[in-house]
Structures are given as C-alpha cells and as structure tokens.
Amino acid sequence: MNARNAPRHELIADTALTLLAERGMRGLTHRAVDEAAGLPQGSTSNLARTRAALLESAVRRLAEREAAVLTPHTVPGAAGGIAQPAAGATTAAVADALARALHRYLSGHRQLLVARYELALEATRRPELRAVYDRAGRRFREPVAAMLSAAGSAEPERHALSLVAWCDGVLFSCTAGQFHTALPTRDALRTSCAELLDGMLGR
C-alpha cells in the first residue's frame, strides 16, 4: 500500500519516525510532521495533541514495523510474526533465524534503527515514554527467552539478556558505531550467533 494511502495515524507515525532519523529529536514537531506528510496543518495535533502523545505513537508504530523485520515466519515455530518455538529447537536453527532477521534489518531498515535510538534515548528522560517503550520491547525479549528455553537453556531469562544485548550491539555498531560502514554477511552473523549460543548452552 502506498504510504499516502495508508491510514492517517500510520502515515503520521511513519512520518514521525522518518523525521527522527533525518533530523533528530529537535526536528520532530507537529508542524514538521504535517508538512513532511503532505497533510493540512493541524492534522497531527488532531491525532496526537501533545508531544508525548506523538512520541508514544511513534514508539508503537516502531514496534509494529520492527515486528515485521525481526520476528517474521522465518523464526522457528513463528506464528503470526511472534515466535512460538517447538521444544527441541536447535541452536543452529535459532542462530539462522536471528542472523536472517539481523541481516534484513541492517540491509534494508537502517533509518528505522536510527529512529529507534532517538526514541530509546528520549525514553530515559520521559517515564511515560519509558513505559511504552518497555512494553513494546517485551514483544521481542519474551520470544527470545522462549526460543532459548526450547533450545535447552536452563536459564532462559539470563541467556536472553546476553543474546538480546548481542543483537542490540551488532545493530548499533553496524548502524551508528565503529562498524557503521560494514555490513556483515548473513553467514558471518549466523556463525557469531551460533558461537554465542553454543557457549551459553554448553554445546
């Protein structure tokens, strides 16, 4: 569906994410969203009256779009985009699924990543946004813990912290950090993820 034909709330949230990536937090205003989205002045204010409401709508839309990238049907046992792994999932299957998702994000959605970092920093200063951001994050942390449990982890929550931290580190390093000019291959990501999983699970 063409962005201009998207529901107005999606168009506004998507435009907010684009502005965050292109201009940073200071560049995100109701007027700027209206102008960039080609909407009459006041349209954004009608749907998100405050800056906090606009940011919250951006976080919710970010979670929706990330779900399409990070938890597609390629995740072992995925159903409806959220992982529902079967018992006995192998570390190789988990590593392949995560490598595929990370590579897809890095190769085609870097702007979304930059918007995510802007929102993550802002959430550290706004408790109300922190709550929304954390709720969205649980949609991804919990399936990772479930995958690890299915793969034989005796401490899936602790191991999920390590695995999510690794994924976040790869995404940040290859988008805004020391390796921002390098795009790791899917094979390289799979190998590194498998090494981490094998070390955690004692394989």
C-alpha atoms as a PDB file:
ATOM      1  CA  MET A   1       0.000   0.000   0.000  1.00  0.00           C
ATOM      2  CA  ASN A   2       1.291   3.428  -0.919  1.00  0.00           C
ATOM      3  CA  ALA A   3       2.260   5.489   2.137  1.00  0.00           C
ATOM      4  CA  ARG A   4      -0.065   8.285   1.025  1.00  0.00           C
ATOM      5  CA  ASN A   5      -2.965   5.827   1.042  1.00  0.00           C
ATOM      6  CA  ALA A   6      -2.132   4.457   4.498  1.00  0.00           C
ATOM      7  CA  PRO A   7      -4.463   5.191   7.412  1.00  0.00           C
ATOM      8  CA  ARG A   8      -3.740   8.682   8.677  1.00  0.00           C
ATOM      9  CA  HIS A   9      -2.497   7.526  12.097  1.00  0.00           C
ATOM     10  CA  GLU A  10       0.041   5.241  10.385  1.00  0.00           C
ATOM     11  CA  LEU A  11       1.115   7.961   7.974  1.00  0.00           C
ATOM     12  CA  ILE A  12       1.687  10.371  10.852  1.00  0.00           C
ATOM     13  CA  ALA A  13       3.607   7.822  12.943  1.00  0.00           C
ATOM     14  CA  ASP A  14       5.710   6.714   9.962  1.00  0.00           C
ATOM     15  CA  THR A  15       6.495  10.330   9.106  1.00  0.00           C
ATOM     16  CA  ALA A  16       7.491  10.967  12.721  1.00  0.00           C
ATOM     17  CA  LEU A  17       9.922   8.041  12.545  1.00  0.00           C
ATOM     18  CA  THR A  18      11.391   9.384   9.298  1.00  0.00           C
ATOM     19  CA  LEU A  19      11.867  12.840  10.812  1.00  0.00           C
ATOM     20  CA  LEU A  20      13.517  11.370  13.911  1.00  0.00           C
ATOM     21  CA  ALA A  21      16.011   9.548  11.704  1.00  0.00           C
ATOM     22  CA  GLU A  22      16.675  12.534   9.435  1.00  0.00           C
ATOM     23  CA  ARG A  23      16.555  15.469  11.867  1.00  0.00           C
ATOM     24  CA  GLY A  24      16.801  14.040  15.365  1.00  0.00           C
ATOM     25  CA  MET A  25      14.516  14.712  18.307  1.00  0.00           C
ATOM     26  CA  ARG A  26      14.649  18.510  17.873  1.00  0.00           C
ATOM     27  CA  GLY A  27      13.392  18.200  14.327  1.00  0.00           C
ATOM     28  CA  LEU A  28      10.226  16.374  15.349  1.00  0.00           C
ATOM     29  CA  THR A  29       7.314  18.792  15.686  1.00  0.00           C
ATOM     30  CA  HIS A  30       3.635  18.559  14.870  1.00  0.00           C
ATOM     31  CA  ARG A  31       4.074  21.147  12.117  1.00  0.00           C
ATOM     32  CA  ALA A  32       7.049  19.293  10.645  1.00  0.00           C
ATOM     33  CA  VAL A  33       5.051  16.046  10.516  1.00  0.00           C
ATOM     34  CA  ASP A  34       2.150  17.778   8.768  1.00  0.00           C
ATOM     35  CA  GLU A  35       4.488  19.311   6.197  1.00  0.00           C
ATOM     36  CA  ALA A  36       6.518  16.163   5.534  1.00  0.00           C
ATOM     37  CA  ALA A  37       3.385  14.006   5.303  1.00  0.00           C
ATOM     38  CA  GLY A  38       1.645  16.477   2.993  1.00  0.00           C
ATOM     39  CA  LEU A  39      -1.232  16.937   5.430  1.00  0.00           C
ATOM     40  CA  PRO A  40      -3.165  20.101   6.288  1.00  0.00           C
ATOM     41  CA  GLN A  41      -1.734  21.991   9.251  1.00  0.00           C
ATOM     42  CA  GLY A  42      -3.244  20.721  12.482  1.00  0.00           C
ATOM     43  CA  SER A  43      -3.749  17.149  11.274  1.00  0.00           C
ATOM     44  CA  THR A  44      -1.053  15.721  13.545  1.00  0.00           C
ATOM     45  CA  SER A  45      -2.305  17.701  16.523  1.00  0.00           C
ATOM     46  CA  ASN A  46      -5.783  16.292  15.997  1.00  0.00           C
ATOM     47  CA  LEU A  47      -4.486  12.733  16.429  1.00  0.00           C
ATOM     48  CA  ALA A  48      -1.648  13.369  18.901  1.00  0.00           C
ATOM     49  CA  ARG A  49      -2.346  16.554  20.821  1.00  0.00           C
ATOM     50  CA  THR A  50       0.859  16.612  22.865  1.00  0.00           C
ATOM     51  CA  ARG A  51       4.481  15.895  22.098  1.00  0.00           C
ATOM     52  CA  ALA A  52       4.310  12.956  24.499  1.00  0.00           C
ATOM     53  CA  ALA A  53       1.374  11.505  22.557  1.00  0.00           C
ATOM     54  CA  LEU A  54       3.253  11.926  19.270  1.00  0.00           C
ATOM     55  CA  LEU A  55       6.305  10.151  20.671  1.00  0.00           C
ATOM     56  CA  GLU A  56       4.179   7.335  22.058  1.00  0.00           C
ATOM     57  CA  SER A  57       2.519   6.813  18.691  1.00  0.00           C
ATOM     58  CA  ALA A  58       5.976   6.688  17.102  1.00  0.00           C
ATOM     59  CA  VAL A  59       7.117   4.020  19.583  1.00  0.00           C
ATOM     60  CA  ARG A  60       4.028   1.897  18.958  1.00  0.00           C
ATOM     61  CA  ARG A  61       4.495   2.166  15.201  1.00  0.00           C
ATOM     62  CA  LEU A  62       8.188   1.362  15.559  1.00  0.00           C
ATOM     63  CA  ALA A  63       7.270  -1.859  17.386  1.00  0.00           C
ATOM     64  CA  GLU A  64       4.827  -2.806  14.616  1.00  0.00           C
ATOM     65  CA  ARG A  65       7.375  -2.241  11.894  1.00  0.00           C
ATOM     66  CA  GLU A  66      10.157  -3.978  13.791  1.00  0.00           C
ATOM     67  CA  ALA A  67       7.909  -6.988  14.304  1.00  0.00           C
ATOM     68  CA  ALA A  68       7.720  -7.382  10.537  1.00  0.00           C
ATOM     69  CA  VAL A  69      11.513  -7.302  10.317  1.00  0.00           C
ATOM     70  CA  LEU A  70      12.669  -9.138  13.441  1.00  0.00           C
ATOM     71  CA  THR A  71      10.031 -11.786  14.062  1.00  0.00           C
ATOM     72  CA  PRO A  72       8.816 -12.973  10.673  1.00  0.00           C
ATOM     73  CA  HIS A  73       7.806 -16.503   9.770  1.00  0.00           C
ATOM     74  CA  THR A  74      11.482 -17.418   9.468  1.00  0.00           C
ATOM     75  CA  VAL A  75      11.751 -17.701  13.267  1.00  0.00           C
ATOM     76  CA  PRO A  76      11.493 -21.373  14.300  1.00  0.00           C
ATOM     77  CA  GLY A  77       7.889 -22.060  15.196  1.00  0.00           C
ATOM     78  CA  ALA A  78       6.785 -18.477  14.480  1.00  0.00           C
ATOM     79  CA  ALA A  79       3.060 -17.852  14.320  1.00  0.00           C
ATOM     80  CA  GLY A  80       1.582 -14.515  13.349  1.00  0.00           C
ATOM     81  CA  GLY A  81       5.023 -12.919  13.472  1.00  0.00           C
ATOM     82  CA  ILE A  82       5.696 -13.838  17.124  1.00  0.00           C
ATOM     83  CA  ALA A  83       7.927 -16.790  17.928  1.00  0.00           C
ATOM     84  CA  GLN A  84       6.198 -19.849  19.381  1.00  0.00           C
ATOM     85  CA  PRO A  85       9.140 -22.281  19.252  1.00  0.00           C
ATOM     86  CA  ALA A  86       8.743 -26.021  19.486  1.00  0.00           C
ATOM     87  CA  ALA A  87      10.657 -27.939  22.116  1.00  0.00           C
ATOM     88  CA  GLY A  88      13.974 -29.239  20.867  1.00  0.00           C
ATOM     89  CA  ALA A  89      14.793 -26.289  18.602  1.00  0.00           C
ATOM     90  CA  THR A  90      18.462 -26.482  17.670  1.00  0.00           C
ATOM     91  CA  THR A  91      20.970 -23.716  18.259  1.00  0.00           C
ATOM     92  CA  ALA A  92      21.688 -23.790  14.521  1.00  0.00           C
ATOM     93  CA  ALA A  93      18.021 -23.048  13.767  1.00  0.00           C
ATOM     94  CA  VAL A  94      17.910 -20.216  16.308  1.00  0.00           C
ATOM     95  CA  ALA A  95      21.180 -18.763  15.009  1.00  0.00           C
ATOM     96  CA  ASP A  96      19.963 -18.922  11.412  1.00  0.00           C
ATOM     97  CA  ALA A  97      16.681 -17.198  12.261  1.00  0.00           C
ATOM     98  CA  LEU A  98      18.361 -14.404  14.217  1.00  0.00           C
ATOM     99  CA  ALA A  99      21.059 -13.923  11.576  1.00  0.00           C
ATOM    100  CA  ARG A 100      18.413 -13.648   8.877  1.00  0.00           C
ATOM    101  CA  ALA A 101      16.456 -11.062  10.881  1.00  0.00           C
ATOM    102  CA  LEU A 102      19.534  -9.003  11.786  1.00  0.00           C
ATOM    103  CA  HIS A 103      20.808  -9.006   8.222  1.00  0.00           C
ATOM    104  CA  ARG A 104      17.402  -7.966   6.893  1.00  0.00           C
ATOM    105  CA  TYR A 105      17.258  -5.092   9.399  1.00  0.00           C
ATOM    106  CA  LEU A 106      20.791  -3.861   8.657  1.00  0.00           C
ATOM    107  CA  SER A 107      20.490  -4.175   4.880  1.00  0.00           C
ATOM    108  CA  GLY A 108      17.093  -2.570   4.445  1.00  0.00           C
ATOM    109  CA  HIS A 109      15.949  -0.667   7.515  1.00  0.00           C
ATOM    110  CA  ARG A 110      18.804   1.450   8.850  1.00  0.00           C
ATOM    111  CA  GLN A 111      16.640   4.560   9.022  1.00  0.00           C
ATOM    112  CA  LEU A 112      14.276   2.718  11.337  1.00  0.00           C
ATOM    113  CA  LEU A 113      17.215   1.801  13.560  1.00  0.00           C
ATOM    114  CA  VAL A 114      18.320   5.429  13.867  1.00  0.00           C
ATOM    115  CA  ALA A 115      14.762   6.400  14.842  1.00  0.00           C
ATOM    116  CA  ARG A 116      14.811   3.634  17.441  1.00  0.00           C
ATOM    117  CA  TYR A 117      17.977   5.017  19.028  1.00  0.00           C
ATOM    118  CA  GLU A 118      16.494   8.514  19.167  1.00  0.00           C
ATOM    119  CA  LEU A 119      13.415   7.162  20.936  1.00  0.00           C
ATOM    120  CA  ALA A 120      15.435   4.982  23.297  1.00  0.00           C
ATOM    121  CA  LEU A 121      17.435   7.983  24.495  1.00  0.00           C
ATOM    122  CA  GLU A 122      14.323  10.096  24.882  1.00  0.00           C
ATOM    123  CA  ALA A 123      12.702   7.313  26.899  1.00  0.00           C
ATOM    124  CA  THR A 124      15.454   7.664  29.508  1.00  0.00           C
ATOM    125  CA  ARG A 125      14.180  11.211  30.176  1.00  0.00           C
ATOM    126  CA  ARG A 126      10.418  10.593  29.955  1.00  0.00           C
ATOM    127  CA  PRO A 127       8.978   7.994  32.361  1.00  0.00           C
ATOM    128  CA  GLU A 128       5.703   7.813  30.437  1.00  0.00           C
ATOM    129  CA  LEU A 129       7.573   7.061  27.204  1.00  0.00           C
ATOM    130  CA  ARG A 130       9.797   4.568  29.016  1.00  0.00           C
ATOM    131  CA  ALA A 131       6.732   2.542  29.964  1.00  0.00           C
ATOM    132  CA  VAL A 132       5.509   2.428  26.354  1.00  0.00           C
ATOM    133  CA  TYR A 133       8.992   1.631  25.032  1.00  0.00           C
ATOM    134  CA  ASP A 134       9.474  -1.195  27.534  1.00  0.00           C
ATOM    135  CA  ARG A 135       6.080  -2.738  26.759  1.00  0.00           C
ATOM    136  CA  ALA A 136       6.988  -2.762  23.080  1.00  0.00           C
ATOM    137  CA  GLY A 137      10.354  -4.328  23.862  1.00  0.00           C
ATOM    138  CA  ARG A 138       8.773  -7.237  25.708  1.00  0.00           C
ATOM    139  CA  ARG A 139       7.247  -8.370  22.423  1.00  0.00           C
ATOM    140  CA  PHE A 140      10.762  -9.327  21.343  1.00  0.00           C
ATOM    141  CA  ARG A 141      12.508 -10.270  24.577  1.00  0.00           C
ATOM    142  CA  GLU A 142       9.912 -12.830  25.578  1.00  0.00           C
ATOM    143  CA  PRO A 143      10.049 -14.806  22.299  1.00  0.00           C
ATOM    144  CA  VAL A 144      13.856 -14.867  22.528  1.00  0.00           C
ATOM    145  CA  ALA A 145      13.620 -16.355  26.035  1.00  0.00           C
ATOM    146  CA  ALA A 146      11.087 -18.883  24.723  1.00  0.00           C
ATOM    147  CA  MET A 147      13.410 -19.854  21.845  1.00  0.00           C
ATOM    148  CA  LEU A 148      16.282 -20.345  24.259  1.00  0.00           C
ATOM    149  CA  SER A 149      14.154 -22.462  26.550  1.00  0.00           C
ATOM    150  CA  ALA A 150      13.110 -24.614  23.597  1.00  0.00           C
ATOM    151  CA  ALA A 151      16.780 -24.963  22.634  1.00  0.00           C
ATOM    152  CA  GLY A 152      17.598 -26.359  26.087  1.00  0.00           C
ATOM    153  CA  SER A 153      18.595 -23.334  28.164  1.00  0.00           C
ATOM    154  CA  ALA A 154      18.287 -23.913  31.906  1.00  0.00           C
ATOM    155  CA  GLU A 155      18.329 -20.136  32.475  1.00  0.00           C
ATOM    156  CA  PRO A 156      16.420 -18.659  29.524  1.00  0.00           C
ATOM    157  CA  GLU A 157      15.885 -15.219  31.088  1.00  0.00           C
ATOM    158  CA  ARG A 158      19.564 -14.712  31.866  1.00  0.00           C
ATOM    159  CA  HIS A 159      20.606 -16.077  28.497  1.00  0.00           C
ATOM    160  CA  ALA A 160      18.015 -13.889  26.765  1.00  0.00           C
ATOM    161  CA  LEU A 161      19.687 -10.829  28.282  1.00  0.00           C
ATOM    162  CA  SER A 162      23.018 -11.878  26.776  1.00  0.00           C
ATOM    163  CA  LEU A 163      21.546 -12.712  23.388  1.00  0.00           C
ATOM    164  CA  VAL A 164      19.407  -9.570  23.098  1.00  0.00           C
ATOM    165  CA  ALA A 165      22.391  -7.465  24.221  1.00  0.00           C
ATOM    166  CA  TRP A 166      24.499  -9.084  21.492  1.00  0.00           C
ATOM    167  CA  CYS A 167      21.830  -8.418  18.862  1.00  0.00           C
ATOM    168  CA  ASP A 168      21.452  -4.810  20.005  1.00  0.00           C
ATOM    169  CA  GLY A 169      25.216  -4.374  19.975  1.00  0.00           C
ATOM    170  CA  VAL A 170      25.524  -5.666  16.415  1.00  0.00           C
ATOM    171  CA  LEU A 171      22.708  -3.420  15.221  1.00  0.00           C
ATOM    172  CA  PHE A 172      24.139  -0.322  16.893  1.00  0.00           C
ATOM    173  CA  SER A 173      27.765  -0.969  15.901  1.00  0.00           C
ATOM    174  CA  CYS A 174      26.844  -1.522  12.260  1.00  0.00           C
ATOM    175  CA  THR A 175      24.495   1.473  12.111  1.00  0.00           C
ATOM    176  CA  ALA A 176      25.955   4.222  14.305  1.00  0.00           C
ATOM    177  CA  GLY A 177      29.073   2.745  15.860  1.00  0.00           C
ATOM    178  CA  GLN A 178      32.585   1.730  14.830  1.00  0.00           C
ATOM    179  CA  PHE A 179      31.390  -0.633  12.090  1.00  0.00           C
ATOM    180  CA  HIS A 180      28.813   1.664  10.507  1.00  0.00           C
ATOM    181  CA  THR A 181      30.427   1.282   7.097  1.00  0.00           C
ATOM    182  CA  ALA A 182      30.448  -2.504   7.286  1.00  0.00           C
ATOM    183  CA  LEU A 183      27.504  -4.779   6.590  1.00  0.00           C
ATOM    184  CA  PRO A 184      28.235  -8.259   7.927  1.00  0.00           C
ATOM    185  CA  THR A 185      27.088 -11.137   5.767  1.00  0.00           C
ATOM    186  CA  ARG A 186      24.301 -13.366   6.917  1.00  0.00           C
ATOM    187  CA  ASP A 187      26.791 -16.226   7.160  1.00  0.00           C
ATOM    188  CA  ALA A 188      29.055 -14.171   9.431  1.00  0.00           C
ATOM    189  CA  LEU A 189      26.133 -13.235  11.668  1.00  0.00           C
ATOM    190  CA  ARG A 190      24.997 -16.858  11.806  1.00  0.00           C
ATOM    191  CA  THR A 191      28.480 -18.052  12.793  1.00  0.00           C
ATOM    192  CA  SER A 192      28.873 -15.444  15.528  1.00  0.00           C
ATOM    193  CA  CYS A 193      25.402 -16.112  16.909  1.00  0.00           C
ATOM    194  CA  ALA A 194      25.981 -19.870  16.908  1.00  0.00           C
ATOM    195  CA  GLU A 195      29.252 -19.379  18.788  1.00  0.00           C
ATOM    196  CA  LEU A 196      27.476 -17.305  21.432  1.00  0.00           C
ATOM    197  CA  LEU A 197      24.642 -19.824  21.745  1.00  0.00           C
ATOM    198  CA  ASP A 198      26.989 -22.803  21.940  1.00  0.00           C
ATOM    199  CA  GLY A 199      28.975 -21.075  24.665  1.00  0.00           C
ATOM    200  CA  MET A 200      25.871 -20.218  26.682  1.00  0.00           C
ATOM    201  CA  LEU A 201      24.269 -23.629  26.314  1.00  0.00           C
ATOM    202  CA  GLY A 202      27.452 -25.637  26.761  1.00  0.00           C
ATOM    203  CA  ARG A 203      27.339 -27.292  23.350  1.00  0.00           C
END
